[in-house]
Amino acid sequence: IAFEVAQERGLLGESLHLDTTTLLLYGEYPETEALAQR
């Protein structure tokens, strides 16, 4: 649905900007596998 709406409204322009940032985490966190299974 989002793709259809974006196409119909011309929101899929020729330019696309992607940016990422990382948030560093201090402390202990449960293992990734344990979190993914919850």
PDB file of all heavy atoms in Angstrom:
ATOM      1  N   ILE A   1       0.839  -1.211   0.000  1.00  0.00           N
ATOM      2  CA  ILE A   1       0.000   0.000   0.000  1.00  0.00           C
ATOM      3  C   ILE A   1       0.867   1.250   0.000  1.00  0.00           C
ATOM      4  O   ILE A   1       0.605   2.204  -0.741  1.00  0.00           O
ATOM      5  CB  ILE A   1      -0.982  -0.025   1.181  1.00  0.00           C
ATOM      6  CG1 ILE A   1      -2.020  -1.132   0.958  1.00  0.00           C
ATOM      7  CG2 ILE A   1      -1.662   1.331   1.358  1.00  0.00           C
ATOM      8  CD1 ILE A   1      -2.970  -1.348   2.116  1.00  0.00           C
ATOM      9  N   ALA A   2       1.919   1.272   0.805  1.00  0.00           N
ATOM     10  CA  ALA A   2       2.805   2.442   0.847  1.00  0.00           C
ATOM     11  C   ALA A   2       3.448   2.686  -0.517  1.00  0.00           C
ATOM     12  O   ALA A   2       3.551   3.832  -0.970  1.00  0.00           O
ATOM     13  CB  ALA A   2       3.870   2.248   1.919  1.00  0.00           C
ATOM     14  N   PHE A   3       3.863   1.622  -1.200  1.00  0.00           N
ATOM     15  CA  PHE A   3       4.472   1.763  -2.516  1.00  0.00           C
ATOM     16  C   PHE A   3       3.459   2.305  -3.530  1.00  0.00           C
ATOM     17  O   PHE A   3       3.786   3.189  -4.325  1.00  0.00           O
ATOM     18  CB  PHE A   3       5.053   0.426  -2.984  1.00  0.00           C
ATOM     19  CG  PHE A   3       5.815   0.531  -4.268  1.00  0.00           C
ATOM     20  CD1 PHE A   3       7.027   1.193  -4.321  1.00  0.00           C
ATOM     21  CD2 PHE A   3       5.307  -0.021  -5.436  1.00  0.00           C
ATOM     22  CE1 PHE A   3       7.735   1.293  -5.506  1.00  0.00           C
ATOM     23  CE2 PHE A   3       6.003   0.078  -6.624  1.00  0.00           C
ATOM     24  CZ  PHE A   3       7.217   0.736  -6.662  1.00  0.00           C
ATOM     25  N   GLU A   4       2.221   1.785  -3.499  1.00  0.00           N
ATOM     26  CA  GLU A   4       1.177   2.286  -4.404  1.00  0.00           C
ATOM     27  C   GLU A   4       0.938   3.772  -4.196  1.00  0.00           C
ATOM     28  O   GLU A   4       0.855   4.541  -5.156  1.00  0.00           O
ATOM     29  CB  GLU A   4      -0.139   1.539  -4.171  1.00  0.00           C
ATOM     30  CG  GLU A   4      -0.246   0.204  -4.828  1.00  0.00           C
ATOM     31  CD  GLU A   4      -1.586  -0.472  -4.550  1.00  0.00           C
ATOM     32  OE1 GLU A   4      -2.510   0.181  -4.004  1.00  0.00           O
ATOM     33  OE2 GLU A   4      -1.712  -1.661  -4.869  1.00  0.00           O
ATOM     34  N   VAL A   5       0.778   4.174  -2.933  1.00  0.00           N
ATOM     35  CA  VAL A   5       0.516   5.581  -2.622  1.00  0.00           C
ATOM     36  C   VAL A   5       1.694   6.441  -3.056  1.00  0.00           C
ATOM     37  O   VAL A   5       1.509   7.508  -3.658  1.00  0.00           O
ATOM     38  CB  VAL A   5       0.214   5.765  -1.112  1.00  0.00           C
ATOM     39  CG1 VAL A   5       0.183   7.230  -0.726  1.00  0.00           C
ATOM     40  CG2 VAL A   5      -1.108   5.094  -0.743  1.00  0.00           C
ATOM     41  N   ALA A   6       2.910   5.990  -2.778  1.00  0.00           N
ATOM     42  CA  ALA A   6       4.096   6.760  -3.168  1.00  0.00           C
ATOM     43  C   ALA A   6       4.190   6.916  -4.683  1.00  0.00           C
ATOM     44  O   ALA A   6       4.522   7.991  -5.184  1.00  0.00           O
ATOM     45  CB  ALA A   6       5.351   6.078  -2.623  1.00  0.00           C
ATOM     46  N   GLN A   7       3.853   5.847  -5.432  1.00  0.00           N
ATOM     47  CA  GLN A   7       3.862   5.928  -6.893  1.00  0.00           C
ATOM     48  C   GLN A   7       2.802   6.911  -7.388  1.00  0.00           C
ATOM     49  O   GLN A   7       3.087   7.757  -8.236  1.00  0.00           O
ATOM     50  CB  GLN A   7       3.586   4.557  -7.501  1.00  0.00           C
ATOM     51  CG  GLN A   7       4.793   3.704  -7.678  1.00  0.00           C
ATOM     52  CD  GLN A   7       4.453   2.428  -8.428  1.00  0.00           C
ATOM     53  OE1 GLN A   7       3.463   1.781  -8.143  1.00  0.00           O
ATOM     54  NE2 GLN A   7       5.286   2.077  -9.387  1.00  0.00           N
ATOM     55  N   GLU A   8       1.586   6.788  -6.886  1.00  0.00           N
ATOM     56  CA  GLU A   8       0.483   7.642  -7.330  1.00  0.00           C
ATOM     57  C   GLU A   8       0.738   9.111  -7.036  1.00  0.00           C
ATOM     58  O   GLU A   8       0.338   9.978  -7.802  1.00  0.00           O
ATOM     59  CB  GLU A   8      -0.818   7.214  -6.660  1.00  0.00           C
ATOM     60  CG  GLU A   8      -1.332   5.875  -7.139  1.00  0.00           C
ATOM     61  CD  GLU A   8      -2.479   5.358  -6.293  1.00  0.00           C
ATOM     62  OE1 GLU A   8      -2.942   6.085  -5.386  1.00  0.00           O
ATOM     63  OE2 GLU A   8      -2.910   4.217  -6.532  1.00  0.00           O
ATOM     64  N   ARG A   9       1.383   9.403  -5.943  1.00  0.00           N
ATOM     65  CA  ARG A   9       1.592  10.793  -5.528  1.00  0.00           C
ATOM     66  C   ARG A   9       2.946  11.349  -5.950  1.00  0.00           C
ATOM     67  O   ARG A   9       3.302  12.458  -5.566  1.00  0.00           O
ATOM     68  CB  ARG A   9       1.411  10.909  -4.028  1.00  0.00           C
ATOM     69  CG  ARG A   9      -0.021  10.532  -3.667  1.00  0.00           C
ATOM     70  CD  ARG A   9      -0.350  10.776  -2.279  1.00  0.00           C
ATOM     71  NE  ARG A   9      -1.750  10.409  -2.077  1.00  0.00           N
ATOM     72  CZ  ARG A   9      -2.564  11.073  -1.332  1.00  0.00           C
ATOM     73  NH1 ARG A   9      -2.154  12.157  -0.715  1.00  0.00           N
ATOM     74  NH2 ARG A   9      -3.810  10.683  -1.186  1.00  0.00           N
ATOM     75  N   GLY A  10       3.681  10.571  -6.723  1.00  0.00           N
ATOM     76  CA  GLY A  10       4.970  11.053  -7.221  1.00  0.00           C
ATOM     77  C   GLY A  10       6.004  11.241  -6.124  1.00  0.00           C
ATOM     78  O   GLY A  10       6.846  12.126  -6.227  1.00  0.00           O
ATOM     79  N   LEU A  11       5.952  10.435  -5.096  1.00  0.00           N
ATOM     80  CA  LEU A  11       6.896  10.568  -3.996  1.00  0.00           C
ATOM     81  C   LEU A  11       8.180   9.785  -4.218  1.00  0.00           C
ATOM     82  O   LEU A  11       9.119   9.898  -3.449  1.00  0.00           O
ATOM     83  CB  LEU A  11       6.235  10.095  -2.683  1.00  0.00           C
ATOM     84  CG  LEU A  11       4.984  10.863  -2.277  1.00  0.00           C
ATOM     85  CD1 LEU A  11       4.360  10.241  -1.033  1.00  0.00           C
ATOM     86  CD2 LEU A  11       5.306  12.325  -2.031  1.00  0.00           C
ATOM     87  N   LEU A  12       8.204   8.990  -5.270  1.00  0.00           N
ATOM     88  CA  LEU A  12       9.402   8.223  -5.585  1.00  0.00           C
ATOM     89  C   LEU A  12      10.227   9.016  -6.591  1.00  0.00           C
ATOM     90  O   LEU A  12      10.241   8.744  -7.774  1.00  0.00           O
ATOM     91  CB  LEU A  12       9.033   6.844  -6.145  1.00  0.00           C
ATOM     92  CG  LEU A  12       8.194   5.969  -5.216  1.00  0.00           C
ATOM     93  CD1 LEU A  12       7.754   4.707  -5.927  1.00  0.00           C
ATOM     94  CD2 LEU A  12       8.964   5.651  -3.966  1.00  0.00           C
ATOM     95  N   GLY A  13      10.903  10.039  -6.094  1.00  0.00           N
ATOM     96  CA  GLY A  13      11.664  10.928  -6.957  1.00  0.00           C
ATOM     97  C   GLY A  13      12.935  10.287  -7.468  1.00  0.00           C
ATOM     98  O   GLY A  13      13.259   9.144  -7.163  1.00  0.00           O
ATOM     99  N   GLU A  14      13.657  11.051  -8.250  1.00  0.00           N
ATOM    100  CA  GLU A  14      14.903  10.547  -8.808  1.00  0.00           C
ATOM    101  C   GLU A  14      16.021  10.583  -7.783  1.00  0.00           C
ATOM    102  O   GLU A  14      16.992   9.873  -7.900  1.00  0.00           O
ATOM    103  CB  GLU A  14      15.291  11.373 -10.034  1.00  0.00           C
ATOM    104  CG  GLU A  14      14.308  11.193 -11.167  1.00  0.00           C
ATOM    105  CD  GLU A  14      14.648  12.063 -12.356  1.00  0.00           C
ATOM    106  OE1 GLU A  14      15.792  12.538 -12.453  1.00  0.00           O
ATOM    107  OE2 GLU A  14      13.770  12.261 -13.195  1.00  0.00           O
ATOM    108  N   SER A  15      15.874  11.443  -6.776  1.00  0.00           N
ATOM    109  CA  SER A  15      16.931  11.527  -5.760  1.00  0.00           C
ATOM    110  C   SER A  15      16.446  10.868  -4.472  1.00  0.00           C
ATOM    111  O   SER A  15      15.296  10.964  -4.094  1.00  0.00           O
ATOM    112  CB  SER A  15      17.286  12.992  -5.493  1.00  0.00           C
ATOM    113  OG  SER A  15      16.189  13.666  -4.931  1.00  0.00           O
ATOM    114  N   LEU A  16      17.375  10.203  -3.848  1.00  0.00           N
ATOM    115  CA  LEU A  16      17.079   9.503  -2.614  1.00  0.00           C
ATOM    116  C   LEU A  16      18.271   9.702  -1.701  1.00  0.00           C
ATOM    117  O   LEU A  16      19.421   9.513  -2.114  1.00  0.00           O
ATOM    118  CB  LEU A  16      16.878   8.014  -2.912  1.00  0.00           C
ATOM    119  CG  LEU A  16      16.263   7.153  -1.843  1.00  0.00           C
ATOM    120  CD1 LEU A  16      14.788   7.538  -1.662  1.00  0.00           C
ATOM    121  CD2 LEU A  16      16.343   5.686  -2.242  1.00  0.00           C
ATOM    122  N   HIS A  17      18.023  10.102  -0.469  1.00  0.00           N
ATOM    123  CA  HIS A  17      19.115  10.314   0.470  1.00  0.00           C
ATOM    124  C   HIS A  17      18.929   9.359   1.641  1.00  0.00           C
ATOM    125  O   HIS A  17      17.861   9.317   2.255  1.00  0.00           O
ATOM    126  CB  HIS A  17      19.129  11.761   0.967  1.00  0.00           C
ATOM    127  CG  HIS A  17      20.208  12.018   1.963  1.00  0.00           C
ATOM    128  ND1 HIS A  17      21.531  12.101   1.608  1.00  0.00           N
ATOM    129  CD2 HIS A  17      20.172  12.175   3.294  1.00  0.00           C
ATOM    130  CE1 HIS A  17      22.258  12.320   2.691  1.00  0.00           C
ATOM    131  NE2 HIS A  17      21.450  12.368   3.732  1.00  0.00           N
ATOM    132  N   LEU A  18      19.948   8.588   1.929  1.00  0.00           N
ATOM    133  CA  LEU A  18      19.946   7.639   3.039  1.00  0.00           C
ATOM    134  C   LEU A  18      21.029   8.037   4.018  1.00  0.00           C
ATOM    135  O   LEU A  18      22.162   8.318   3.621  1.00  0.00           O
ATOM    136  CB  LEU A  18      20.198   6.214   2.530  1.00  0.00           C
ATOM    137  CG  LEU A  18      20.503   5.165   3.591  1.00  0.00           C
ATOM    138  CD1 LEU A  18      19.286   4.905   4.460  1.00  0.00           C
ATOM    139  CD2 LEU A  18      20.981   3.879   2.953  1.00  0.00           C
ATOM    140  N   ASP A  19      20.670   8.092   5.289  1.00  0.00           N
ATOM    141  CA  ASP A  19      21.654   8.400   6.313  1.00  0.00           C
ATOM    142  C   ASP A  19      21.434   7.448   7.483  1.00  0.00           C
ATOM    143  O   ASP A  19      20.302   7.087   7.797  1.00  0.00           O
ATOM    144  CB  ASP A  19      21.514   9.846   6.782  1.00  0.00           C
ATOM    145  CG  ASP A  19      22.723  10.300   7.594  1.00  0.00           C
ATOM    146  OD1 ASP A  19      23.755   9.610   7.579  1.00  0.00           O
ATOM    147  OD2 ASP A  19      22.623  11.347   8.259  1.00  0.00           O
ATOM    148  N   THR A  20      22.515   7.045   8.105  1.00  0.00           N
ATOM    149  CA  THR A  20      22.425   6.184   9.275  1.00  0.00           C
ATOM    150  C   THR A  20      23.271   6.771  10.393  1.00  0.00           C
ATOM    151  O   THR A  20      24.205   7.540  10.142  1.00  0.00           O
ATOM    152  CB  THR A  20      22.942   4.755   8.988  1.00  0.00           C
ATOM    153  OG1 THR A  20      24.314   4.816   8.634  1.00  0.00           O
ATOM    154  CG2 THR A  20      22.140   4.090   7.896  1.00  0.00           C
ATOM    155  N   THR A  21      22.925   6.415  11.591  1.00  0.00           N
ATOM    156  CA  THR A  21      23.736   6.763  12.747  1.00  0.00           C
ATOM    157  C   THR A  21      23.702   5.586  13.704  1.00  0.00           C
ATOM    158  O   THR A  21      22.754   4.808  13.703  1.00  0.00           O
ATOM    159  CB  THR A  21      23.249   8.056  13.438  1.00  0.00           C
ATOM    160  OG1 THR A  21      24.197   8.439  14.425  1.00  0.00           O
ATOM    161  CG2 THR A  21      21.880   7.869  14.067  1.00  0.00           C
ATOM    162  N   THR A  22      24.741   5.451  14.483  1.00  0.00           N
ATOM    163  CA  THR A  22      24.787   4.370  15.454  1.00  0.00           C
ATOM    164  C   THR A  22      24.695   4.947  16.851  1.00  0.00           C
ATOM    165  O   THR A  22      25.292   5.983  17.153  1.00  0.00           O
ATOM    166  CB  THR A  22      26.085   3.546  15.323  1.00  0.00           C
ATOM    167  OG1 THR A  22      27.202   4.426  15.421  1.00  0.00           O
ATOM    168  CG2 THR A  22      26.142   2.819  14.010  1.00  0.00           C
ATOM    169  N   LEU A  23      23.924   4.275  17.671  1.00  0.00           N
ATOM    170  CA  LEU A  23      23.818   4.649  19.072  1.00  0.00           C
ATOM    171  C   LEU A  23      24.613   3.620  19.869  1.00  0.00           C
ATOM    172  O   LEU A  23      24.269   2.440  19.881  1.00  0.00           O
ATOM    173  CB  LEU A  23      22.353   4.646  19.521  1.00  0.00           C
ATOM    174  CG  LEU A  23      21.404   5.520  18.700  1.00  0.00           C
ATOM    175  CD1 LEU A  23      19.975   5.280  19.127  1.00  0.00           C
ATOM    176  CD2 LEU A  23      21.776   6.978  18.853  1.00  0.00           C
ATOM    177  N   LEU A  24      25.682   4.066  20.482  1.00  0.00           N
ATOM    178  CA  LEU A  24      26.514   3.165  21.263  1.00  0.00           C
ATOM    179  C   LEU A  24      25.855   2.920  22.611  1.00  0.00           C
ATOM    180  O   LEU A  24      25.314   3.836  23.231  1.00  0.00           O
ATOM    181  CB  LEU A  24      27.901   3.757  21.457  1.00  0.00           C
ATOM    182  CG  LEU A  24      28.697   4.006  20.181  1.00  0.00           C
ATOM    183  CD1 LEU A  24      30.030   4.649  20.500  1.00  0.00           C
ATOM    184  CD2 LEU A  24      28.904   2.714  19.433  1.00  0.00           C
ATOM    185  N   LEU A  25      25.888   1.680  23.053  1.00  0.00           N
ATOM    186  CA  LEU A  25      25.223   1.302  24.291  1.00  0.00           C
ATOM    187  C   LEU A  25      26.243   0.812  25.307  1.00  0.00           C
ATOM    188  O   LEU A  25      27.056  -0.060  25.011  1.00  0.00           O
ATOM    189  CB  LEU A  25      24.192   0.212  24.009  1.00  0.00           C
ATOM    190  CG  LEU A  25      23.138   0.598  22.969  1.00  0.00           C
ATOM    191  CD1 LEU A  25      22.290  -0.605  22.612  1.00  0.00           C
ATOM    192  CD2 LEU A  25      22.275   1.736  23.455  1.00  0.00           C
ATOM    193  N   TYR A  26      26.187   1.386  26.485  1.00  0.00           N
ATOM    194  CA  TYR A  26      27.065   0.990  27.574  1.00  0.00           C
ATOM    195  C   TYR A  26      26.267   0.092  28.516  1.00  0.00           C
ATOM    196  O   TYR A  26      25.064   0.241  28.667  1.00  0.00           O
ATOM    197  CB  TYR A  26      27.561   2.222  28.332  1.00  0.00           C
ATOM    198  CG  TYR A  26      28.391   3.139  27.479  1.00  0.00           C
ATOM    199  CD1 TYR A  26      27.795   4.104  26.673  1.00  0.00           C
ATOM    200  CD2 TYR A  26      29.772   3.030  27.478  1.00  0.00           C
ATOM    201  CE1 TYR A  26      28.563   4.941  25.886  1.00  0.00           C
ATOM    202  CE2 TYR A  26      30.542   3.867  26.691  1.00  0.00           C
ATOM    203  CZ  TYR A  26      29.935   4.825  25.897  1.00  0.00           C
ATOM    204  OH  TYR A  26      30.688   5.639  25.115  1.00  0.00           O
ATOM    205  N   GLY A  27      26.912  -0.852  29.152  1.00  0.00           N
ATOM    206  CA  GLY A  27      26.228  -1.735  30.083  1.00  0.00           C
ATOM    207  C   GLY A  27      26.055  -3.117  29.490  1.00  0.00           C
ATOM    208  O   GLY A  27      26.513  -3.411  28.395  1.00  0.00           O
ATOM    209  N   GLU A  28      25.368  -3.981  30.236  1.00  0.00           N
ATOM    210  CA  GLU A  28      25.165  -5.347  29.793  1.00  0.00           C
ATOM    211  C   GLU A  28      23.766  -5.507  29.214  1.00  0.00           C
ATOM    212  O   GLU A  28      22.799  -4.984  29.760  1.00  0.00           O
ATOM    213  CB  GLU A  28      25.355  -6.308  30.955  1.00  0.00           C
ATOM    214  CG  GLU A  28      26.794  -6.341  31.434  1.00  0.00           C
ATOM    215  CD  GLU A  28      27.013  -7.429  32.455  1.00  0.00           C
ATOM    216  OE1 GLU A  28      26.335  -8.463  32.374  1.00  0.00           O
ATOM    217  OE2 GLU A  28      27.861  -7.227  33.325  1.00  0.00           O
ATOM    218  N   TYR A  29      23.672  -6.253  28.125  1.00  0.00           N
ATOM    219  CA  TYR A  29      22.410  -6.529  27.463  1.00  0.00           C
ATOM    220  C   TYR A  29      22.294  -8.033  27.260  1.00  0.00           C
ATOM    221  O   TYR A  29      23.305  -8.702  27.030  1.00  0.00           O
ATOM    222  CB  TYR A  29      22.325  -5.807  26.107  1.00  0.00           C
ATOM    223  CG  TYR A  29      22.258  -4.318  26.268  1.00  0.00           C
ATOM    224  CD1 TYR A  29      23.412  -3.551  26.350  1.00  0.00           C
ATOM    225  CD2 TYR A  29      21.040  -3.686  26.375  1.00  0.00           C
ATOM    226  CE1 TYR A  29      23.354  -2.188  26.531  1.00  0.00           C
ATOM    227  CE2 TYR A  29      20.964  -2.314  26.548  1.00  0.00           C
ATOM    228  CZ  TYR A  29      22.122  -1.569  26.633  1.00  0.00           C
ATOM    229  OH  TYR A  29      22.061  -0.224  26.805  1.00  0.00           O
ATOM    230  N   PRO A  30      21.074  -8.558  27.340  1.00  0.00           N
ATOM    231  CA  PRO A  30      20.922 -10.004  27.091  1.00  0.00           C
ATOM    232  C   PRO A  30      21.414 -10.351  25.689  1.00  0.00           C
ATOM    233  O   PRO A  30      21.486  -9.500  24.806  1.00  0.00           O
ATOM    234  CB  PRO A  30      19.420 -10.235  27.190  1.00  0.00           C
ATOM    235  CG  PRO A  30      18.866  -9.027  27.863  1.00  0.00           C
ATOM    236  CD  PRO A  30      19.832  -7.911  27.617  1.00  0.00           C
ATOM    237  N   GLU A  31      21.741 -11.604  25.500  1.00  0.00           N
ATOM    238  CA  GLU A  31      22.213 -12.056  24.198  1.00  0.00           C
ATOM    239  C   GLU A  31      21.147 -11.814  23.126  1.00  0.00           C
ATOM    240  O   GLU A  31      19.949 -11.886  23.389  1.00  0.00           O
ATOM    241  CB  GLU A  31      22.581 -13.532  24.250  1.00  0.00           C
ATOM    242  CG  GLU A  31      23.830 -13.788  25.066  1.00  0.00           C
ATOM    243  CD  GLU A  31      25.044 -13.024  24.541  1.00  0.00           C
ATOM    244  OE1 GLU A  31      25.291 -13.022  23.325  1.00  0.00           O
ATOM    245  OE2 GLU A  31      25.725 -12.400  25.371  1.00  0.00           O
ATOM    246  N   THR A  32      21.589 -11.539  21.926  1.00  0.00           N
ATOM    247  CA  THR A  32      20.716 -11.238  20.801  1.00  0.00           C
ATOM    248  C   THR A  32      19.701 -12.355  20.555  1.00  0.00           C
ATOM    249  O   THR A  32      18.525 -12.093  20.336  1.00  0.00           O
ATOM    250  CB  THR A  32      21.554 -11.009  19.531  1.00  0.00           C
ATOM    251  OG1 THR A  32      22.506  -9.987  19.804  1.00  0.00           O
ATOM    252  CG2 THR A  32      20.681 -10.606  18.370  1.00  0.00           C
ATOM    253  N   GLU A  33      20.138 -13.602  20.617  1.00  0.00           N
ATOM    254  CA  GLU A  33      19.233 -14.726  20.354  1.00  0.00           C
ATOM    255  C   GLU A  33      18.105 -14.772  21.376  1.00  0.00           C
ATOM    256  O   GLU A  33      16.964 -15.049  21.053  1.00  0.00           O
ATOM    257  CB  GLU A  33      19.996 -16.057  20.356  1.00  0.00           C
ATOM    258  CG  GLU A  33      21.034 -16.184  19.266  1.00  0.00           C
ATOM    259  CD  GLU A  33      22.348 -15.472  19.614  1.00  0.00           C
ATOM    260  OE1 GLU A  33      22.677 -15.299  20.807  1.00  0.00           O
ATOM    261  OE2 GLU A  33      23.044 -15.056  18.666  1.00  0.00           O
ATOM    262  N   ALA A  34      18.434 -14.522  22.642  1.00  0.00           N
ATOM    263  CA  ALA A  34      17.418 -14.550  23.696  1.00  0.00           C
ATOM    264  C   ALA A  34      16.374 -13.452  23.477  1.00  0.00           C
ATOM    265  O   ALA A  34      15.177 -13.666  23.668  1.00  0.00           O
ATOM    266  CB  ALA A  34      18.068 -14.391  25.062  1.00  0.00           C
ATOM    267  N   LEU A  35      16.813 -12.274  23.058  1.00  0.00           N
ATOM    268  CA  LEU A  35      15.868 -11.177  22.796  1.00  0.00           C
ATOM    269  C   LEU A  35      14.997 -11.478  21.586  1.00  0.00           C
ATOM    270  O   LEU A  35      13.800 -11.202  21.584  1.00  0.00           O
ATOM    271  CB  LEU A  35      16.615  -9.865  22.556  1.00  0.00           C
ATOM    272  CG  LEU A  35      17.152  -9.153  23.784  1.00  0.00           C
ATOM    273  CD1 LEU A  35      17.942  -7.928  23.357  1.00  0.00           C
ATOM    274  CD2 LEU A  35      16.042  -8.757  24.726  1.00  0.00           C
ATOM    275  N   ALA A  36      15.585 -12.025  20.544  1.00  0.00           N
ATOM    276  CA  ALA A  36      14.843 -12.292  19.303  1.00  0.00           C
ATOM    277  C   ALA A  36      13.753 -13.320  19.504  1.00  0.00           C
ATOM    278  O   ALA A  36      12.745 -13.308  18.800  1.00  0.00           O
ATOM    279  CB  ALA A  36      15.798 -12.750  18.217  1.00  0.00           C
ATOM    280  N   GLN A  37      13.912 -14.214  20.469  1.00  0.00           N
ATOM    281  CA  GLN A  37      12.922 -15.258  20.696  1.00  0.00           C
ATOM    282  C   GLN A  37      11.768 -14.802  21.572  1.00  0.00           C
ATOM    283  O   GLN A  37      10.738 -15.453  21.625  1.00  0.00           O
ATOM    284  CB  GLN A  37      13.587 -16.487  21.316  1.00  0.00           C
ATOM    285  CG  GLN A  37      14.529 -17.166  20.349  1.00  0.00           C
ATOM    286  CD  GLN A  37      15.252 -18.342  20.979  1.00  0.00           C
ATOM    287  OE1 GLN A  37      15.063 -18.645  22.135  1.00  0.00           O
ATOM    288  NE2 GLN A  37      16.084 -18.998  20.179  1.00  0.00           N
ATOM    289  N   ARG A  38      11.901 -13.694  22.261  1.00  0.00           N
ATOM    290  CA  ARG A  38      10.819 -13.196  23.119  1.00  0.00           C
ATOM    291  C   ARG A  38       9.761 -12.521  22.257  1.00  0.00           C
ATOM    292  O   ARG A  38      10.055 -11.640  21.459  1.00  0.00           O
ATOM    293  CB  ARG A  38      11.361 -12.198  24.133  1.00  0.00           C
ATOM    294  CG  ARG A  38      12.195 -12.855  25.211  1.00  0.00           C
ATOM    295  CD  ARG A  38      12.667 -11.911  26.254  1.00  0.00           C
ATOM    296  NE  ARG A  38      11.643 -10.998  26.715  1.00  0.00           N
ATOM    297  CZ  ARG A  38      11.895  -9.951  27.494  1.00  0.00           C
ATOM    298  NH1 ARG A  38      13.125  -9.694  27.874  1.00  0.00           N
ATOM    299  NH2 ARG A  38      10.929  -9.162  27.867  1.00  0.00           N
TER     300      ARG A  38
END
